Amino acid sequence: MICALVLAATESYGPLVCFWDEPDNYLALNEVGQFVLALRRAFRHGSQFIATSHNPEAIRSFSRENTLLLYRKSHLEPTIVRRVEDLKVNGDLVSALIRGDVEP
């Protein structure tokens, strides 16, 4: 329901900024890709969509050129922000993150 509201608001009101923490929560695995694609399409013309996710399917569905990786070693360390397209990742980003092969 929230997704439909956000999509309708983007279409009706023009450029928006939307921050959504874990928008893929409570979605079936086969729905995540379609969900992210709908959001990407709706926000490509002047709007800004900012999301956080730990869902591998959602992470794979966003483009590398406008996705950021936020990393910190502990809650006492400052957060390091890197663009995913600048990371040296061989193969799948999610698998590399799980293995710890990504240098922030």
PDB file of N, CA and C in Angstrom:
ATOM      1  N   MET A   1       0.812  -1.185   0.000  1.00  0.00           N
ATOM      2  CA  MET A   1       0.000   0.000   0.000  1.00  0.00           C
ATOM      3  C   MET A   1       0.864   1.260   0.000  1.00  0.00           C
ATOM      4  N   ILE A   2       1.911   1.243   0.795  1.00  0.00           N
ATOM      5  CA  ILE A   2       2.792   2.413   0.849  1.00  0.00           C
ATOM      6  C   ILE A   2       3.465   2.631  -0.503  1.00  0.00           C
ATOM      7  N   CYS A   3       3.865   1.556  -1.145  1.00  0.00           N
ATOM      8  CA  CYS A   3       4.496   1.678  -2.461  1.00  0.00           C
ATOM      9  C   CYS A   3       3.537   2.337  -3.451  1.00  0.00           C
ATOM     10  N   ALA A   4       2.289   1.907  -3.460  1.00  0.00           N
ATOM     11  CA  ALA A   4       1.297   2.499  -4.362  1.00  0.00           C
ATOM     12  C   ALA A   4       1.125   3.990  -4.064  1.00  0.00           C
ATOM     13  N   LEU A   5       1.129   4.354  -2.808  1.00  0.00           N
ATOM     14  CA  LEU A   5       1.004   5.758  -2.420  1.00  0.00           C
ATOM     15  C   LEU A   5       2.203   6.578  -2.898  1.00  0.00           C
ATOM     16  N   VAL A   6       3.390   6.045  -2.715  1.00  0.00           N
ATOM     17  CA  VAL A   6       4.600   6.747  -3.145  1.00  0.00           C
ATOM     18  C   VAL A   6       4.617   6.893  -4.668  1.00  0.00           C
ATOM     19  N   LEU A   7       4.262   5.836  -5.388  1.00  0.00           N
ATOM     20  CA  LEU A   7       4.232   5.897  -6.846  1.00  0.00           C
ATOM     21  C   LEU A   7       3.193   6.902  -7.339  1.00  0.00           C
ATOM     22  N   ALA A   8       2.029   6.912  -6.726  1.00  0.00           N
ATOM     23  CA  ALA A   8       0.977   7.854  -7.109  1.00  0.00           C
ATOM     24  C   ALA A   8       1.382   9.293  -6.798  1.00  0.00           C
ATOM     25  N   ALA A   9       2.012   9.516  -5.659  1.00  0.00           N
ATOM     26  CA  ALA A   9       2.450  10.866  -5.292  1.00  0.00           C
ATOM     27  C   ALA A   9       3.500  11.381  -6.264  1.00  0.00           C
ATOM     28  N   THR A  10       4.413  10.514  -6.672  1.00  0.00           N
ATOM     29  CA  THR A  10       5.443  10.907  -7.634  1.00  0.00           C
ATOM     30  C   THR A  10       4.821  11.310  -8.962  1.00  0.00           C
ATOM     31  N   GLU A  11       3.842  10.543  -9.389  1.00  0.00           N
ATOM     32  CA  GLU A  11       3.180  10.834 -10.663  1.00  0.00           C
ATOM     33  C   GLU A  11       2.311  12.088 -10.574  1.00  0.00           C
ATOM     34  N   SER A  12       1.625  12.273  -9.472  1.00  0.00           N
ATOM     35  CA  SER A  12       0.681  13.387  -9.332  1.00  0.00           C
ATOM     36  C   SER A  12       1.335  14.718  -8.989  1.00  0.00           C
ATOM     37  N   TYR A  13       2.339  14.698  -8.125  1.00  0.00           N
ATOM     38  CA  TYR A  13       2.910  15.939  -7.606  1.00  0.00           C
ATOM     39  C   TYR A  13       4.231  16.328  -8.234  1.00  0.00           C
ATOM     40  N   GLY A  14       4.783  15.488  -9.058  1.00  0.00           N
ATOM     41  CA  GLY A  14       6.059  15.824  -9.677  1.00  0.00           C
ATOM     42  C   GLY A  14       7.226  15.407  -8.811  1.00  0.00           C
ATOM     43  N   PRO A  15       8.381  16.050  -8.980  1.00  0.00           N
ATOM     44  CA  PRO A  15       9.587  15.627  -8.271  1.00  0.00           C
ATOM     45  C   PRO A  15       9.414  15.583  -6.747  1.00  0.00           C
ATOM     46  N   LEU A  16       9.785  14.463  -6.173  1.00  0.00           N
ATOM     47  CA  LEU A  16       9.719  14.248  -4.727  1.00  0.00           C
ATOM     48  C   LEU A  16      11.046  13.731  -4.212  1.00  0.00           C
ATOM     49  N   VAL A  17      11.221  13.816  -2.917  1.00  0.00           N
ATOM     50  CA  VAL A  17      12.316  13.143  -2.231  1.00  0.00           C
ATOM     51  C   VAL A  17      11.676  12.153  -1.276  1.00  0.00           C
ATOM     52  N   CYS A  18      12.098  10.908  -1.371  1.00  0.00           N
ATOM     53  CA  CYS A  18      11.536   9.859  -0.519  1.00  0.00           C
ATOM     54  C   CYS A  18      12.673   9.102   0.142  1.00  0.00           C
ATOM     55  N   PHE A  19      12.651   9.019   1.462  1.00  0.00           N
ATOM     56  CA  PHE A  19      13.577   8.170   2.200  1.00  0.00           C
ATOM     57  C   PHE A  19      12.767   7.040   2.802  1.00  0.00           C
ATOM     58  N   TRP A  20      13.176   5.820   2.477  1.00  0.00           N
ATOM     59  CA  TRP A  20      12.421   4.650   2.926  1.00  0.00           C
ATOM     60  C   TRP A  20      13.400   3.631   3.494  1.00  0.00           C
ATOM     61  N   ASP A  21      13.288   3.379   4.772  1.00  0.00           N
ATOM     62  CA  ASP A  21      14.146   2.414   5.448  1.00  0.00           C
ATOM     63  C   ASP A  21      13.570   1.021   5.252  1.00  0.00           C
ATOM     64  N   GLU A  22      14.352   0.166   4.616  1.00  0.00           N
ATOM     65  CA  GLU A  22      13.976  -1.229   4.368  1.00  0.00           C
ATOM     66  C   GLU A  22      12.626  -1.353   3.645  1.00  0.00           C
ATOM     67  N   PRO A  23      12.483  -0.755   2.460  1.00  0.00           N
ATOM     68  CA  PRO A  23      11.200  -0.833   1.764  1.00  0.00           C
ATOM     69  C   PRO A  23      10.829  -2.244   1.331  1.00  0.00           C
ATOM     70  N   ASP A  24      11.805  -3.117   1.298  1.00  0.00           N
ATOM     71  CA  ASP A  24      11.568  -4.478   0.841  1.00  0.00           C
ATOM     72  C   ASP A  24      11.150  -5.439   1.961  1.00  0.00           C
ATOM     73  N   ASN A  25      11.022  -4.930   3.173  1.00  0.00           N
ATOM     74  CA  ASN A  25      10.569  -5.790   4.282  1.00  0.00           C
ATOM     75  C   ASN A  25       9.189  -6.345   3.992  1.00  0.00           C
ATOM     76  N   TYR A  26       8.982  -7.571   4.360  1.00  0.00           N
ATOM     77  CA  TYR A  26       7.691  -8.255   4.266  1.00  0.00           C
ATOM     78  C   TYR A  26       7.230  -8.506   2.832  1.00  0.00           C
ATOM     79  N   LEU A  27       8.158  -8.448   1.889  1.00  0.00           N
ATOM     80  CA  LEU A  27       7.824  -8.796   0.515  1.00  0.00           C
ATOM     81  C   LEU A  27       8.321 -10.203   0.219  1.00  0.00           C
ATOM     82  N   ALA A  28       7.583 -10.909  -0.603  1.00  0.00           N
ATOM     83  CA  ALA A  28       8.038 -12.220  -1.060  1.00  0.00           C
ATOM     84  C   ALA A  28       9.258 -12.017  -1.950  1.00  0.00           C
ATOM     85  N   LEU A  29      10.159 -12.983  -1.940  1.00  0.00           N
ATOM     86  CA  LEU A  29      11.404 -12.869  -2.687  1.00  0.00           C
ATOM     87  C   LEU A  29      11.173 -12.574  -4.168  1.00  0.00           C
ATOM     88  N   ASN A  30      10.136 -13.188  -4.761  1.00  0.00           N
ATOM     89  CA  ASN A  30       9.880 -12.965  -6.181  1.00  0.00           C
ATOM     90  C   ASN A  30       9.244 -11.603  -6.465  1.00  0.00           C
ATOM     91  N   GLU A  31       8.833 -10.860  -5.443  1.00  0.00           N
ATOM     92  CA  GLU A  31       8.241  -9.539  -5.620  1.00  0.00           C
ATOM     93  C   GLU A  31       9.258  -8.408  -5.489  1.00  0.00           C
ATOM     94  N   VAL A  32      10.390  -8.661  -4.885  1.00  0.00           N
ATOM     95  CA  VAL A  32      11.363  -7.612  -4.589  1.00  0.00           C
ATOM     96  C   VAL A  32      11.875  -6.946  -5.862  1.00  0.00           C
ATOM     97  N   GLY A  33      12.266  -7.724  -6.863  1.00  0.00           N
ATOM     98  CA  GLY A  33      12.794  -7.164  -8.104  1.00  0.00           C
ATOM     99  C   GLY A  33      11.794  -6.269  -8.811  1.00  0.00           C
ATOM    100  N   GLN A  34      10.541  -6.702  -8.906  1.00  0.00           N
ATOM    101  CA  GLN A  34       9.493  -5.904  -9.546  1.00  0.00           C
ATOM    102  C   GLN A  34       9.234  -4.623  -8.764  1.00  0.00           C
ATOM    103  N   PHE A  35       9.257  -4.731  -7.457  1.00  0.00           N
ATOM    104  CA  PHE A  35       9.033  -3.599  -6.562  1.00  0.00           C
ATOM    105  C   PHE A  35      10.115  -2.530  -6.767  1.00  0.00           C
ATOM    106  N   VAL A  36      11.368  -2.950  -6.748  1.00  0.00           N
ATOM    107  CA  VAL A  36      12.482  -2.015  -6.916  1.00  0.00           C
ATOM    108  C   VAL A  36      12.456  -1.406  -8.315  1.00  0.00           C
ATOM    109  N   LEU A  37      12.153  -2.205  -9.322  1.00  0.00           N
ATOM    110  CA  LEU A  37      12.076  -1.684 -10.681  1.00  0.00           C
ATOM    111  C   LEU A  37      10.990  -0.621 -10.812  1.00  0.00           C
ATOM    112  N   ALA A  38       9.846  -0.827 -10.195  1.00  0.00           N
ATOM    113  CA  ALA A  38       8.768   0.173 -10.227  1.00  0.00           C
ATOM    114  C   ALA A  38       9.221   1.479  -9.570  1.00  0.00           C
ATOM    115  N   LEU A  39       9.926   1.381  -8.453  1.00  0.00           N
ATOM    116  CA  LEU A  39      10.435   2.586  -7.786  1.00  0.00           C
ATOM    117  C   LEU A  39      11.491   3.287  -8.638  1.00  0.00           C
ATOM    118  N   ARG A  40      12.385   2.516  -9.247  1.00  0.00           N
ATOM    119  CA  ARG A  40      13.413   3.121 -10.111  1.00  0.00           C
ATOM    120  C   ARG A  40      12.782   3.873 -11.272  1.00  0.00           C
ATOM    121  N   ARG A  41      11.772   3.283 -11.887  1.00  0.00           N
ATOM    122  CA  ARG A  41      11.092   3.938 -13.013  1.00  0.00           C
ATOM    123  C   ARG A  41      10.392   5.222 -12.570  1.00  0.00           C
ATOM    124  N   ALA A  42       9.723   5.170 -11.436  1.00  0.00           N
ATOM    125  CA  ALA A  42       8.953   6.323 -10.958  1.00  0.00           C
ATOM    126  C   ALA A  42       9.849   7.494 -10.565  1.00  0.00           C
ATOM    127  N   PHE A  43      11.052   7.212 -10.100  1.00  0.00           N
ATOM    128  CA  PHE A  43      11.921   8.265  -9.571  1.00  0.00           C
ATOM    129  C   PHE A  43      13.038   8.667 -10.527  1.00  0.00           C
ATOM    130  N   ARG A  44      12.987   8.291 -11.770  1.00  0.00           N
ATOM    131  CA  ARG A  44      14.090   8.603 -12.686  1.00  0.00           C
ATOM    132  C   ARG A  44      14.035  10.001 -13.275  1.00  0.00           C
ATOM    133  N   HIS A  45      12.918  10.698 -13.166  1.00  0.00           N
ATOM    134  CA  HIS A  45      12.791  12.022 -13.782  1.00  0.00           C
ATOM    135  C   HIS A  45      12.723  13.129 -12.734  1.00  0.00           C
ATOM    136  N   GLY A  46      13.835  13.412 -12.091  1.00  0.00           N
ATOM    137  CA  GLY A  46      13.909  14.550 -11.193  1.00  0.00           C
ATOM    138  C   GLY A  46      13.623  14.268  -9.736  1.00  0.00           C
ATOM    139  N   SER A  47      13.049  13.135  -9.426  1.00  0.00           N
ATOM    140  CA  SER A  47      12.786  12.795  -8.027  1.00  0.00           C
ATOM    141  C   SER A  47      13.992  12.077  -7.434  1.00  0.00           C
ATOM    142  N   GLN A  48      14.025  12.014  -6.127  1.00  0.00           N
ATOM    143  CA  GLN A  48      15.132  11.360  -5.429  1.00  0.00           C
ATOM    144  C   GLN A  48      14.571  10.278  -4.517  1.00  0.00           C
ATOM    145  N   PHE A  49      15.051   9.049  -4.681  1.00  0.00           N
ATOM    146  CA  PHE A  49      14.630   7.935  -3.834  1.00  0.00           C
ATOM    147  C   PHE A  49      15.841   7.422  -3.082  1.00  0.00           C
ATOM    148  N   ILE A  50      15.762   7.434  -1.767  1.00  0.00           N
ATOM    149  CA  ILE A  50      16.843   6.960  -0.915  1.00  0.00           C
ATOM    150  C   ILE A  50      16.288   5.810  -0.091  1.00  0.00           C
ATOM    151  N   ALA A  51      16.951   4.661  -0.176  1.00  0.00           N
ATOM    152  CA  ALA A  51      16.486   3.480   0.552  1.00  0.00           C
ATOM    153  C   ALA A  51      17.663   2.808   1.238  1.00  0.00           C
ATOM    154  N   THR A  52      17.357   2.130   2.322  1.00  0.00           N
ATOM    155  CA  THR A  52      18.336   1.272   2.972  1.00  0.00           C
ATOM    156  C   THR A  52      17.829  -0.150   2.831  1.00  0.00           C
ATOM    157  N   SER A  53      18.752  -1.090   2.709  1.00  0.00           N
ATOM    158  CA  SER A  53      18.323  -2.472   2.555  1.00  0.00           C
ATOM    159  C   SER A  53      19.439  -3.425   2.941  1.00  0.00           C
ATOM    160  N   HIS A  54      19.029  -4.550   3.487  1.00  0.00           N
ATOM    161  CA  HIS A  54      19.930  -5.669   3.741  1.00  0.00           C
ATOM    162  C   HIS A  54      19.516  -6.859   2.891  1.00  0.00           C
ATOM    163  N   ASN A  55      18.505  -6.678   2.073  1.00  0.00           N
ATOM    164  CA  ASN A  55      17.960  -7.752   1.256  1.00  0.00           C
ATOM    165  C   ASN A  55      18.818  -7.926   0.001  1.00  0.00           C
ATOM    166  N   PRO A  56      19.410  -9.116  -0.192  1.00  0.00           N
ATOM    167  CA  PRO A  56      20.267  -9.336  -1.358  1.00  0.00           C
ATOM    168  C   PRO A  56      19.574  -9.065  -2.695  1.00  0.00           C
ATOM    169  N   GLU A  57      18.319  -9.442  -2.821  1.00  0.00           N
ATOM    170  CA  GLU A  57      17.599  -9.215  -4.078  1.00  0.00           C
ATOM    171  C   GLU A  57      17.396  -7.722  -4.346  1.00  0.00           C
ATOM    172  N   ALA A  58      17.107  -6.960  -3.312  1.00  0.00           N
ATOM    173  CA  ALA A  58      16.942  -5.511  -3.485  1.00  0.00           C
ATOM    174  C   ALA A  58      18.266  -4.875  -3.875  1.00  0.00           C
ATOM    175  N   ILE A  59      19.336  -5.273  -3.229  1.00  0.00           N
ATOM    176  CA  ILE A  59      20.653  -4.717  -3.538  1.00  0.00           C
ATOM    177  C   ILE A  59      21.034  -5.018  -4.978  1.00  0.00           C
ATOM    178  N   ARG A  60      20.758  -6.228  -5.430  1.00  0.00           N
ATOM    179  CA  ARG A  60      21.054  -6.592  -6.820  1.00  0.00           C
ATOM    180  C   ARG A  60      20.192  -5.819  -7.813  1.00  0.00           C
ATOM    181  N   SER A  61      19.017  -5.374  -7.401  1.00  0.00           N
ATOM    182  CA  SER A  61      18.078  -4.711  -8.308  1.00  0.00           C
ATOM    183  C   SER A  61      18.396  -3.240  -8.547  1.00  0.00           C
ATOM    184  N   PHE A  62      19.150  -2.616  -7.655  1.00  0.00           N
ATOM    185  CA  PHE A  62      19.513  -1.220  -7.858  1.00  0.00           C
ATOM    186  C   PHE A  62      20.768  -1.140  -8.718  1.00  0.00           C
ATOM    187  N   SER A  63      20.916  -0.046  -9.426  1.00  0.00           N
ATOM    188  CA  SER A  63      22.064   0.118 -10.322  1.00  0.00           C
ATOM    189  C   SER A  63      23.310   0.470  -9.523  1.00  0.00           C
ATOM    190  N   ARG A  64      24.457   0.062 -10.040  1.00  0.00           N
ATOM    191  CA  ARG A  64      25.720   0.319  -9.342  1.00  0.00           C
ATOM    192  C   ARG A  64      26.126   1.781  -9.372  1.00  0.00           C
ATOM    193  N   GLU A  65      25.737   2.521 -10.399  1.00  0.00           N
ATOM    194  CA  GLU A  65      26.218   3.899 -10.525  1.00  0.00           C
ATOM    195  C   GLU A  65      25.574   4.874  -9.561  1.00  0.00           C
ATOM    196  N   ASN A  66      24.441   4.513  -8.966  1.00  0.00           N
ATOM    197  CA  ASN A  66      23.831   5.439  -8.009  1.00  0.00           C
ATOM    198  C   ASN A  66      23.516   4.766  -6.673  1.00  0.00           C
ATOM    199  N   THR A  67      24.286   3.734  -6.343  1.00  0.00           N
ATOM    200  CA  THR A  67      24.118   3.028  -5.071  1.00  0.00           C
ATOM    201  C   THR A  67      25.354   3.261  -4.217  1.00  0.00           C
ATOM    202  N   LEU A  68      25.137   3.542  -2.946  1.00  0.00           N
ATOM    203  CA  LEU A  68      26.233   3.798  -2.013  1.00  0.00           C
ATOM    204  C   LEU A  68      26.352   2.666  -1.006  1.00  0.00           C
ATOM    205  N   LEU A  69      27.574   2.377  -0.605  1.00  0.00           N
ATOM    206  CA  LEU A  69      27.849   1.423   0.458  1.00  0.00           C
ATOM    207  C   LEU A  69      28.296   2.222   1.674  1.00  0.00           C
ATOM    208  N   LEU A  70      27.596   2.060   2.790  1.00  0.00           N
ATOM    209  CA  LEU A  70      27.975   2.704   4.044  1.00  0.00           C
ATOM    210  C   LEU A  70      28.567   1.631   4.941  1.00  0.00           C
ATOM    211  N   TYR A  71      29.756   1.892   5.453  1.00  0.00           N
ATOM    212  CA  TYR A  71      30.492   0.875   6.205  1.00  0.00           C
ATOM    213  C   TYR A  71      31.159   1.499   7.417  1.00  0.00           C
ATOM    214  N   ARG A  72      31.166   0.748   8.502  1.00  0.00           N
ATOM    215  CA  ARG A  72      31.971   1.127   9.660  1.00  0.00           C
ATOM    216  C   ARG A  72      32.333  -0.134  10.425  1.00  0.00           C
ATOM    217  N   LYS A  73      33.505  -0.109  11.041  1.00  0.00           N
ATOM    218  CA  LYS A  73      33.999  -1.279  11.759  1.00  0.00           C
ATOM    219  C   LYS A  73      33.259  -1.489  13.069  1.00  0.00           C
ATOM    220  N   SER A  74      32.877  -0.402  13.721  1.00  0.00           N
ATOM    221  CA  SER A  74      32.122  -0.483  14.969  1.00  0.00           C
ATOM    222  C   SER A  74      31.321   0.807  15.123  1.00  0.00           C
ATOM    223  N   HIS A  75      30.472   0.833  16.132  1.00  0.00           N
ATOM    224  CA  HIS A  75      29.673   2.048  16.349  1.00  0.00           C
ATOM    225  C   HIS A  75      30.518   3.228  16.839  1.00  0.00           C
ATOM    226  N   LEU A  76      31.768   2.981  17.192  1.00  0.00           N
ATOM    227  CA  LEU A  76      32.669   4.050  17.630  1.00  0.00           C
ATOM    228  C   LEU A  76      33.449   4.667  16.476  1.00  0.00           C
ATOM    229  N   GLU A  77      33.444   4.016  15.331  1.00  0.00           N
ATOM    230  CA  GLU A  77      34.182   4.470  14.156  1.00  0.00           C
ATOM    231  C   GLU A  77      33.288   5.347  13.274  1.00  0.00           C
ATOM    232  N   PRO A  78      33.875   6.264  12.539  1.00  0.00           N
ATOM    233  CA  PRO A  78      33.070   7.051  11.591  1.00  0.00           C
ATOM    234  C   PRO A  78      32.634   6.172  10.415  1.00  0.00           C
ATOM    235  N   THR A  79      31.518   6.537   9.823  1.00  0.00           N
ATOM    236  CA  THR A  79      30.999   5.796   8.683  1.00  0.00           C
ATOM    237  C   THR A  79      31.746   6.191   7.417  1.00  0.00           C
ATOM    238  N   ILE A  80      32.139   5.188   6.641  1.00  0.00           N
ATOM    239  CA  ILE A  80      32.796   5.397   5.356  1.00  0.00           C
ATOM    240  C   ILE A  80      31.735   5.225   4.277  1.00  0.00           C
ATOM    241  N   VAL A  81      31.638   6.186   3.369  1.00  0.00           N
ATOM    242  CA  VAL A  81      30.659   6.137   2.290  1.00  0.00           C
ATOM    243  C   VAL A  81      31.396   5.994   0.967  1.00  0.00           C
ATOM    244  N   ARG A  82      31.035   4.966   0.202  1.00  0.00           N
ATOM    245  CA  ARG A  82      31.655   4.728  -1.109  1.00  0.00           C
ATOM    246  C   ARG A  82      30.578   4.424  -2.135  1.00  0.00           C
ATOM    247  N   ARG A  83      30.767   4.892  -3.346  1.00  0.00           N
ATOM    248  CA  ARG A  83      29.874   4.522  -4.436  1.00  0.00           C
ATOM    249  C   ARG A  83      30.193   3.095  -4.844  1.00  0.00           C
ATOM    250  N   VAL A  84      29.172   2.302  -5.064  1.00  0.00           N
ATOM    251  CA  VAL A  84      29.369   0.898  -5.420  1.00  0.00           C
ATOM    252  C   VAL A  84      30.142   0.770  -6.728  1.00  0.00           C
ATOM    253  N   GLU A  85      29.902   1.680  -7.668  1.00  0.00           N
ATOM    254  CA  GLU A  85      30.608   1.581  -8.948  1.00  0.00           C
ATOM    255  C   GLU A  85      32.110   1.826  -8.798  1.00  0.00           C
ATOM    256  N   ASP A  86      32.556   2.451  -7.716  1.00  0.00           N
ATOM    257  CA  ASP A  86      33.978   2.694  -7.485  1.00  0.00           C
ATOM    258  C   ASP A  86      34.669   1.532  -6.769  1.00  0.00           C
ATOM    259  N   LEU A  87      33.900   0.595  -6.257  1.00  0.00           N
ATOM    260  CA  LEU A  87      34.475  -0.548  -5.553  1.00  0.00           C
ATOM    261  C   LEU A  87      35.020  -1.561  -6.554  1.00  0.00           C
ATOM    262  N   LYS A  88      36.096  -2.202  -6.186  1.00  0.00           N
ATOM    263  CA  LYS A  88      36.654  -3.255  -7.036  1.00  0.00           C
ATOM    264  C   LYS A  88      36.054  -4.585  -6.586  1.00  0.00           C
ATOM    265  N   VAL A  89      34.986  -4.983  -7.284  1.00  0.00           N
ATOM    266  CA  VAL A  89      34.278  -6.201  -6.933  1.00  0.00           C
ATOM    267  C   VAL A  89      34.296  -7.139  -8.127  1.00  0.00           C
ATOM    268  N   ASN A  90      34.787  -8.337  -7.904  1.00  0.00           N
ATOM    269  CA  ASN A  90      34.733  -9.357  -8.940  1.00  0.00           C
ATOM    270  C   ASN A  90      33.479 -10.179  -8.740  1.00  0.00           C
ATOM    271  N   GLY A  91      32.605 -10.167  -9.739  1.00  0.00           N
ATOM    272  CA  GLY A  91      31.368 -10.942  -9.646  1.00  0.00           C
ATOM    273  C   GLY A  91      30.270 -10.202  -8.914  1.00  0.00           C
ATOM    274  N   ASP A  92      29.488 -10.956  -8.190  1.00  0.00           N
ATOM    275  CA  ASP A  92      28.295 -10.460  -7.516  1.00  0.00           C
ATOM    276  C   ASP A  92      28.647  -9.638  -6.276  1.00  0.00           C
ATOM    277  N   LEU A  93      28.096  -8.429  -6.181  1.00  0.00           N
ATOM    278  CA  LEU A  93      28.357  -7.535  -5.049  1.00  0.00           C
ATOM    279  C   LEU A  93      27.922  -8.151  -3.731  1.00  0.00           C
ATOM    280  N   VAL A  94      26.738  -8.731  -3.689  1.00  0.00           N
ATOM    281  CA  VAL A  94      26.209  -9.301  -2.445  1.00  0.00           C
ATOM    282  C   VAL A  94      27.107 -10.435  -1.947  1.00  0.00           C
ATOM    283  N   SER A  95      27.530 -11.304  -2.850  1.00  0.00           N
ATOM    284  CA  SER A  95      28.416 -12.405  -2.453  1.00  0.00           C
ATOM    285  C   SER A  95      29.743 -11.874  -1.933  1.00  0.00           C
ATOM    286  N   ALA A  96      30.265 -10.832  -2.581  1.00  0.00           N
ATOM    287  CA  ALA A  96      31.522 -10.229  -2.133  1.00  0.00           C
ATOM    288  C   ALA A  96      31.372  -9.602  -0.751  1.00  0.00           C
ATOM    289  N   LEU A  97      30.226  -8.960  -0.495  1.00  0.00           N
ATOM    290  CA  LEU A  97      29.972  -8.382   0.827  1.00  0.00           C
ATOM    291  C   LEU A  97      29.903  -9.471   1.894  1.00  0.00           C
ATOM    292  N   ILE A  98      29.225 -10.552   1.596  1.00  0.00           N
ATOM    293  CA  ILE A  98      29.102 -11.666   2.546  1.00  0.00           C
ATOM    294  C   ILE A  98      30.457 -12.265   2.867  1.00  0.00           C
ATOM    295  N   ARG A  99      31.303 -12.432   1.849  1.00  0.00           N
ATOM    296  CA  ARG A  99      32.639 -13.016   2.047  1.00  0.00           C
ATOM    297  C   ARG A  99      33.604 -12.048   2.717  1.00  0.00           C
ATOM    298  N   GLY A 100      33.258 -10.743   2.746  1.00  0.00           N
ATOM    299  CA  GLY A 100      34.165  -9.747   3.300  1.00  0.00           C
ATOM    300  C   GLY A 100      35.241  -9.328   2.330  1.00  0.00           C
ATOM    301  N   ASP A 101      34.987  -9.515   1.032  1.00  0.00           N
ATOM    302  CA  ASP A 101      35.971  -9.183  -0.001  1.00  0.00           C
ATOM    303  C   ASP A 101      35.940  -7.732  -0.436  1.00  0.00           C
ATOM    304  N   VAL A 102      35.011  -6.943   0.072  1.00  0.00           N
ATOM    305  CA  VAL A 102      34.858  -5.555  -0.342  1.00  0.00           C
ATOM    306  C   VAL A 102      35.653  -4.666   0.607  1.00  0.00           C
ATOM    307  N   GLU A 103      36.593  -3.928   0.032  1.00  0.00           N
ATOM    308  CA  GLU A 103      37.358  -2.968   0.819  1.00  0.00           C
ATOM    309  C   GLU A 103      36.656  -1.616   0.762  1.00  0.00           C
ATOM    310  N   PRO A 104      36.224  -1.096   1.905  1.00  0.00           N
ATOM    311  CA  PRO A 104      35.511   0.187   1.884  1.00  0.00           C
ATOM    312  C   PRO A 104      36.397   1.371   1.584  1.00  0.00           C
TER     313      PRO A 104
END
